[in-house]
Amino acid sequence: MQDWPPSFPLPHVAVVDYDINPANEDDHITRFSMGDRPVEAFCHREVPEVYEFLPQALSPRAVLDAIGDGVQAEEEAREIPGRLSRETAAGRGCWTISTVHLSAEGERYLAELADHALAGFLFVAFRIPRSFAIGVKLLATPWTDAHLRYVENIGAEELRRRHRCAGVPDALANVRHWAARGGVRVLIFDAEAPVLDELPVYDDL
């Protein structure tokens, strides 16, 4: 397998060969069921070998780009929070941004979750002691299709749909998904944090 993105977990591969005639005494026959039908086959597990470059080898990056889930977009999402965090936080794991990037509706939504100890799907809001800042713990990051399917069996758009159905305001959902796609694990909205040119500003607070 060529050029596998390092941020994506390697797939689990099981090889099932139903051609067991004539059976080789050295092969181990596995017996299992398909529905209510007993099946016999030669089964073994394969661990993919990753090549930096091999002519005519499958490149997952090319496939992901072709289906619209390109690694380039993921890397861009990772790069922007990483670049901004050098100015706003100690590292990409924790990202502090101004509350002007959060709408009034979004701030009320987060405050209610934090004050009543309510958790959303794959995120938890919390108050920062002795501060008006509000934090959000983002779970199972990065929120890319590949990683979310691996840990939650859903894609990024399905996660957005679930958040939308749960009443998460769009302004909050956008910045949170953007940060989580880039691998941010803790997002803090603080009125004293710098305003960032790359993010929309809301003046309805």
Foldseek 3Di string as FASTA:
>chain_A
DEADPPVFDFDKDKDWAQPCVVPDPVFDWDWDDDVPHIGITGMDTDGDDYDHDDPPDDHVQVVCVVVPQHVVVLVVLQVVLQVVCVVAHPGLQEGEAACQLPAPVQVVVLVVQAVVVHADVQKGKHDDPPAPKIKIFGHQAQQAQRSCCVPPVGHNVVVVVRCVVVPRDPSVSVVVNSSRSSPHGMYMHHNPTDHDPVGDGHPND
